Amino acid sequence: MSVLVGLIVMLGMLVIVPAGLRLADAPELDHIRRWWPLFAAPGAVSLWLPRGTPATVLALCYGLGAALLALHTLPRIARRDGPLRSAATAPAEIALLTALATPAVAATALVAERAGRPLFGFGLGILALTVPHFHFAGFAAALVSGLVSRVADSRAGRFAALSVPLGTLLVLIGYFIGDWAELAGAVVLTAGMWTVALLTWRTVRPAHRDRTTRLLLAVSAAVLALTMVLALSWALGEATGLPHPGLLWMAATHGVGNALGFALCSVLAWRRLTHRTDNQGRTR
Protein backbone atom coordinates (compact mmCIF):
# COMPACT_ATOMS: atom_id res chain seq x y z
CA MET A 1 0.00 0.00 0.00
CA SER A 2 1.48 3.37 -1.01
CA VAL A 3 2.51 5.93 1.59
CA LEU A 4 -0.13 8.41 0.39
CA VAL A 5 -2.98 5.92 0.52
CA GLY A 6 -1.77 4.64 3.89
CA LEU A 7 -1.80 8.12 5.39
CA ILE A 8 -5.28 8.82 4.05
CA VAL A 9 -6.58 5.53 5.44
CA MET A 10 -5.00 6.25 8.83
CA LEU A 11 -6.83 9.58 8.93
CA GLY A 12 -10.09 7.78 8.27
CA MET A 13 -9.50 5.06 10.85
CA LEU A 14 -8.07 7.11 13.69
CA VAL A 15 -9.81 10.47 13.27
CA ILE A 16 -12.78 10.58 10.94
CA VAL A 17 -14.67 7.51 12.17
CA PRO A 18 -14.42 8.15 15.94
CA ALA A 19 -15.04 11.88 15.52
CA GLY A 20 -17.96 11.13 13.23
CA LEU A 21 -19.49 8.76 15.78
CA ARG A 22 -19.56 11.64 18.26
CA LEU A 23 -21.73 13.57 15.82
CA ALA A 24 -24.24 10.78 15.19
CA ASP A 25 -26.44 11.72 18.17
CA ALA A 26 -26.78 8.03 18.99
CA PRO A 27 -25.96 7.24 22.65
CA GLU A 28 -25.78 3.52 21.91
CA LEU A 29 -22.64 4.20 19.84
CA ASP A 30 -20.74 5.71 22.78
CA HIS A 31 -19.46 2.33 23.96
CA ILE A 32 -17.91 1.29 20.64
CA ARG A 33 -16.56 4.82 20.12
CA ARG A 34 -14.65 4.60 23.40
CA TRP A 35 -13.21 1.23 22.40
CA TRP A 36 -12.56 2.23 18.78
CA PRO A 37 -8.80 2.95 19.20
CA LEU A 38 -8.28 -0.70 20.19
CA PHE A 39 -9.55 -1.70 16.75
CA ALA A 40 -8.21 1.21 14.71
CA ALA A 41 -4.64 1.21 16.03
CA PRO A 42 -3.87 -2.37 14.87
CA GLY A 43 -5.53 -1.59 11.55
CA ALA A 44 -3.33 1.46 11.13
CA VAL A 45 -0.19 -0.52 11.95
CA SER A 46 -1.16 -3.16 9.39
CA LEU A 47 -0.90 -0.54 6.65
CA TRP A 48 2.85 -0.25 7.10
CA LEU A 49 3.76 -3.92 7.33
CA PRO A 50 4.58 -6.12 4.35
CA ARG A 51 1.66 -8.20 3.13
CA GLY A 52 1.43 -11.42 5.08
CA THR A 53 0.14 -13.02 8.24
CA PRO A 54 1.06 -10.28 10.78
CA ALA A 55 -0.50 -7.55 8.63
CA THR A 56 -3.59 -9.68 8.02
CA VAL A 57 -4.12 -10.40 11.72
CA LEU A 58 -3.89 -6.70 12.56
CA ALA A 59 -6.27 -5.85 9.72
CA LEU A 60 -8.69 -8.43 11.10
CA CYS A 61 -8.70 -6.53 14.40
CA TYR A 62 -9.95 -3.50 12.51
CA GLY A 63 -12.42 -5.70 10.68
CA LEU A 64 -13.85 -6.84 14.01
CA GLY A 65 -14.43 -3.26 15.09
CA ALA A 66 -16.02 -2.39 11.76
CA ALA A 67 -18.28 -5.45 11.99
CA LEU A 68 -19.41 -4.48 15.49
CA LEU A 69 -20.16 -0.99 14.22
CA ALA A 70 -22.18 -2.37 11.32
CA LEU A 71 -24.19 -4.55 13.71
CA HIS A 72 -25.52 -1.40 15.35
CA THR A 73 -27.62 -0.87 12.24
CA LEU A 74 -29.80 -3.90 13.03
CA PRO A 75 -31.56 -2.68 16.20
CA ARG A 76 -31.99 0.77 14.64
CA ILE A 77 -33.72 -0.81 11.65
CA ALA A 78 -35.89 -3.02 13.85
CA ARG A 79 -37.18 -0.25 16.12
CA ARG A 80 -40.89 0.18 15.57
CA ASP A 81 -40.85 3.76 16.78
CA GLY A 82 -37.48 4.62 15.26
CA PRO A 83 -36.56 7.39 12.82
CA LEU A 84 -37.03 5.06 9.84
CA ARG A 85 -40.79 5.00 10.52
CA SER A 86 -41.22 8.72 9.88
CA ALA A 87 -41.00 10.28 6.42
CA ALA A 88 -39.47 13.39 7.95
CA THR A 89 -36.58 11.62 9.70
CA ALA A 90 -36.07 8.56 7.50
CA PRO A 91 -33.62 10.17 5.00
CA ALA A 92 -31.19 11.27 7.74
CA GLU A 93 -31.51 7.86 9.41
CA ILE A 94 -30.77 6.04 6.14
CA ALA A 95 -27.67 8.21 5.75
CA LEU A 96 -26.55 7.31 9.28
CA LEU A 97 -27.15 3.60 8.72
CA THR A 98 -25.04 3.82 5.56
CA ALA A 99 -22.25 5.52 7.51
CA LEU A 100 -22.28 2.76 10.12
CA ALA A 101 -22.11 0.00 7.50
CA THR A 102 -19.46 1.32 5.10
CA PRO A 103 -16.36 0.83 7.31
CA ALA A 104 -17.10 -2.90 7.16
CA VAL A 105 -16.77 -2.76 3.36
CA ALA A 106 -13.48 -0.92 3.74
CA ALA A 107 -12.26 -3.43 6.33
CA THR A 108 -13.11 -6.39 4.10
CA ALA A 109 -11.00 -4.92 1.31
CA LEU A 110 -8.21 -4.13 3.78
CA VAL A 111 -8.01 -7.70 5.10
CA ALA A 112 -7.85 -9.16 1.60
CA GLU A 113 -5.26 -6.62 0.44
CA ARG A 114 -3.04 -7.12 3.49
CA ALA A 115 -3.27 -10.88 2.96
CA GLY A 116 -2.16 -10.38 -0.64
CA ARG A 117 -5.23 -12.15 -1.98
CA PRO A 118 -7.49 -10.78 -4.73
CA LEU A 119 -11.13 -10.65 -3.67
CA PHE A 120 -14.12 -11.22 -5.98
CA GLY A 121 -11.79 -10.84 -8.93
CA PHE A 122 -10.41 -7.45 -7.85
CA GLY A 123 -6.67 -6.96 -7.80
CA LEU A 124 -4.68 -5.68 -4.86
CA GLY A 125 -4.45 -2.15 -6.27
CA ILE A 126 -8.23 -1.74 -6.49
CA LEU A 127 -8.65 -3.26 -3.03
CA ALA A 128 -6.14 -0.80 -1.59
CA LEU A 129 -8.10 2.15 -3.03
CA THR A 130 -11.42 0.69 -1.89
CA VAL A 131 -10.31 1.13 1.72
CA PRO A 132 -10.10 4.96 1.67
CA HIS A 133 -13.06 5.23 -0.69
CA PHE A 134 -15.47 3.65 1.77
CA HIS A 135 -14.07 5.65 4.68
CA PHE A 136 -14.58 9.00 2.96
CA ALA A 137 -17.04 8.60 0.05
CA GLY A 138 -18.82 6.09 2.29
CA PHE A 139 -18.68 6.90 6.00
CA ALA A 140 -17.88 10.63 5.95
CA ALA A 141 -20.10 11.51 2.98
CA ALA A 142 -23.12 9.65 4.33
CA LEU A 143 -22.67 11.01 7.85
CA VAL A 144 -22.36 14.63 6.72
CA SER A 145 -25.28 14.34 4.30
CA GLY A 146 -27.44 13.17 7.20
CA LEU A 147 -26.27 16.03 9.42
CA VAL A 148 -26.99 18.56 6.69
CA SER A 149 -30.41 17.00 6.12
CA ARG A 150 -31.31 17.51 9.78
CA VAL A 151 -30.40 21.21 9.64
CA ALA A 152 -31.69 21.95 6.13
CA ASP A 153 -35.09 20.31 6.54
CA SER A 154 -36.16 20.62 2.92
CA ARG A 155 -36.54 18.60 -0.25
CA ALA A 156 -32.92 19.34 -1.10
CA GLY A 157 -31.78 18.14 2.31
CA ARG A 158 -33.76 14.92 2.01
CA PHE A 159 -32.46 14.42 -1.53
CA ALA A 160 -28.88 14.76 -0.29
CA ALA A 161 -29.43 12.33 2.57
CA LEU A 162 -30.91 9.71 0.23
CA SER A 163 -28.78 10.16 -2.88
CA VAL A 164 -25.45 9.82 -1.11
CA PRO A 165 -26.29 6.33 0.28
CA LEU A 166 -27.86 5.35 -3.04
CA GLY A 167 -24.83 6.54 -4.98
CA THR A 168 -22.49 4.71 -2.62
CA LEU A 169 -24.51 1.50 -3.07
CA LEU A 170 -24.52 1.86 -6.86
CA VAL A 171 -20.76 2.37 -6.91
CA LEU A 172 -20.34 -0.79 -4.84
CA ILE A 173 -22.65 -2.71 -7.18
CA GLY A 174 -20.72 -1.30 -10.13
CA TYR A 175 -17.59 -2.99 -8.82
CA PHE A 176 -19.28 -6.29 -9.62
CA ILE A 177 -21.44 -5.72 -12.70
CA GLY A 178 -19.50 -3.20 -14.73
CA ASP A 179 -18.28 0.33 -15.37
CA TRP A 180 -21.65 1.69 -16.53
CA ALA A 181 -23.28 0.87 -13.22
CA GLU A 182 -20.34 2.47 -11.45
CA LEU A 183 -20.80 5.55 -13.63
CA ALA A 184 -24.46 5.69 -12.64
CA GLY A 185 -23.41 5.50 -9.01
CA ALA A 186 -20.87 8.28 -9.54
CA VAL A 187 -23.56 10.49 -11.11
CA VAL A 188 -25.98 9.92 -8.23
CA LEU A 189 -23.26 10.33 -5.60
CA THR A 190 -22.00 13.51 -7.24
CA ALA A 191 -25.50 14.97 -7.36
CA GLY A 192 -25.91 14.23 -3.67
CA MET A 193 -22.52 15.62 -2.69
CA TRP A 194 -23.02 18.78 -4.74
CA THR A 195 -26.33 19.24 -2.94
CA VAL A 196 -24.54 18.78 0.39
CA ALA A 197 -22.01 21.41 -0.70
CA LEU A 198 -24.73 23.84 -1.79
CA LEU A 199 -26.73 23.46 1.43
CA THR A 200 -23.56 23.74 3.50
CA TRP A 201 -22.66 26.99 1.73
CA ARG A 202 -26.11 28.57 1.61
CA THR A 203 -27.87 27.23 4.71
CA VAL A 204 -25.48 25.82 7.33
CA ARG A 205 -22.58 28.26 6.97
CA PRO A 206 -24.52 31.57 7.12
CA ALA A 207 -26.36 30.47 10.27
CA HIS A 208 -23.22 30.67 12.42
CA ARG A 209 -21.07 33.64 13.37
CA ASP A 210 -17.93 31.80 14.44
CA ARG A 211 -15.33 32.57 11.77
CA THR A 212 -13.39 29.32 12.15
CA THR A 213 -16.53 27.21 11.80
CA ARG A 214 -17.69 29.21 8.78
CA LEU A 215 -14.26 28.82 7.17
CA LEU A 216 -14.22 25.06 7.72
CA LEU A 217 -17.72 24.75 6.24
CA ALA A 218 -16.77 26.94 3.28
CA VAL A 219 -13.66 24.87 2.54
CA SER A 220 -15.59 21.59 2.75
CA ALA A 221 -18.24 22.88 0.33
CA ALA A 222 -15.73 24.32 -2.14
CA VAL A 223 -13.59 21.19 -2.15
CA LEU A 224 -16.60 18.98 -2.90
CA ALA A 225 -17.47 21.09 -5.92
CA LEU A 226 -14.05 20.29 -7.39
CA THR A 227 -13.29 16.75 -6.26
CA MET A 228 -16.60 15.33 -7.48
CA VAL A 229 -15.84 16.63 -10.98
CA LEU A 230 -12.75 14.43 -10.88
CA ALA A 231 -14.83 11.47 -9.70
CA LEU A 232 -17.23 11.94 -12.60
CA SER A 233 -14.45 12.29 -15.15
CA TRP A 234 -12.78 9.10 -13.93
CA ALA A 235 -16.01 7.08 -13.95
CA LEU A 236 -16.98 8.42 -17.38
CA GLY A 237 -13.56 7.58 -18.78
CA GLU A 238 -13.66 4.06 -17.35
CA ALA A 239 -17.09 3.42 -18.89
CA THR A 240 -16.50 5.01 -22.31
CA GLY A 241 -12.76 4.79 -22.86
CA LEU A 242 -12.41 8.57 -23.02
CA PRO A 243 -9.18 10.06 -21.63
CA HIS A 244 -9.36 10.41 -17.85
CA PRO A 245 -7.09 10.72 -14.82
CA GLY A 246 -5.24 7.64 -13.67
CA LEU A 247 -5.65 6.03 -10.26
CA LEU A 248 -2.48 7.57 -8.82
CA TRP A 249 -3.57 11.02 -9.94
CA MET A 250 -7.04 10.44 -8.51
CA ALA A 251 -5.56 9.40 -5.16
CA ALA A 252 -3.37 12.52 -5.06
CA THR A 253 -6.17 14.92 -6.01
CA HIS A 254 -9.66 13.53 -5.46
CA GLY A 255 -8.56 11.33 -2.55
CA VAL A 256 -6.51 13.91 -0.67
CA GLY A 257 -9.08 16.63 -1.35
CA ASN A 258 -11.97 14.58 -0.03
CA ALA A 259 -10.00 13.37 2.99
CA LEU A 260 -8.59 16.72 4.13
CA GLY A 261 -10.72 19.36 2.47
CA PHE A 262 -14.11 17.71 2.83
CA ALA A 263 -14.12 15.01 5.52
CA LEU A 264 -11.70 16.51 8.04
CA CYS A 265 -12.99 20.07 7.66
CA SER A 266 -16.61 18.90 7.85
CA VAL A 267 -16.07 16.79 10.97
CA LEU A 268 -14.18 19.62 12.69
CA ALA A 269 -16.87 22.14 11.76
CA TRP A 270 -19.77 19.97 12.89
CA ARG A 271 -17.91 19.13 16.08
CA ARG A 272 -17.63 22.86 16.81
CA LEU A 273 -21.32 23.33 16.04
CA THR A 274 -22.31 20.45 18.31
CA HIS A 275 -20.03 21.62 21.12
CA ARG A 276 -21.44 25.14 20.91
CA THR A 277 -25.02 23.84 20.96
CA ASP A 278 -24.26 21.68 24.01
CA ASN A 279 -22.73 24.64 25.82
CA GLN A 280 -25.73 26.82 25.04
CA GLY A 281 -28.03 24.08 26.35
CA ARG A 282 -26.09 23.91 29.62
CA THR A 283 -26.17 27.72 29.96
CA ARG A 284 -29.90 27.75 29.62
Foldseek 3Di string as FASTA:
>chain_A
DDPLLLVLLLCLQPPQVLLLLVLLPDVVCPVLSVVSCVLSVLQSVLVPDAQADSSLVSLVSVLVSLVVLLVVLVVQVVDPPHLCVDPQRNLLNLLQNQLSNLQNVLSVLSNCLSNLHDDLPDHNVVSSVSNSCSSQLTNQQSSLLSVLCVQVRDPLSSLLSNLSSVLVVQLVVCVNPHLVSNLVSLVSNLSSLLSSLVSLLPPVLVVDDDPLLNVLSPQQSVLSVPLSVLVNQVSVCRRPVPDHDDPVVNCVRSVVSRSPRHSVSSSVSSVVVVVVVVVVVVVD
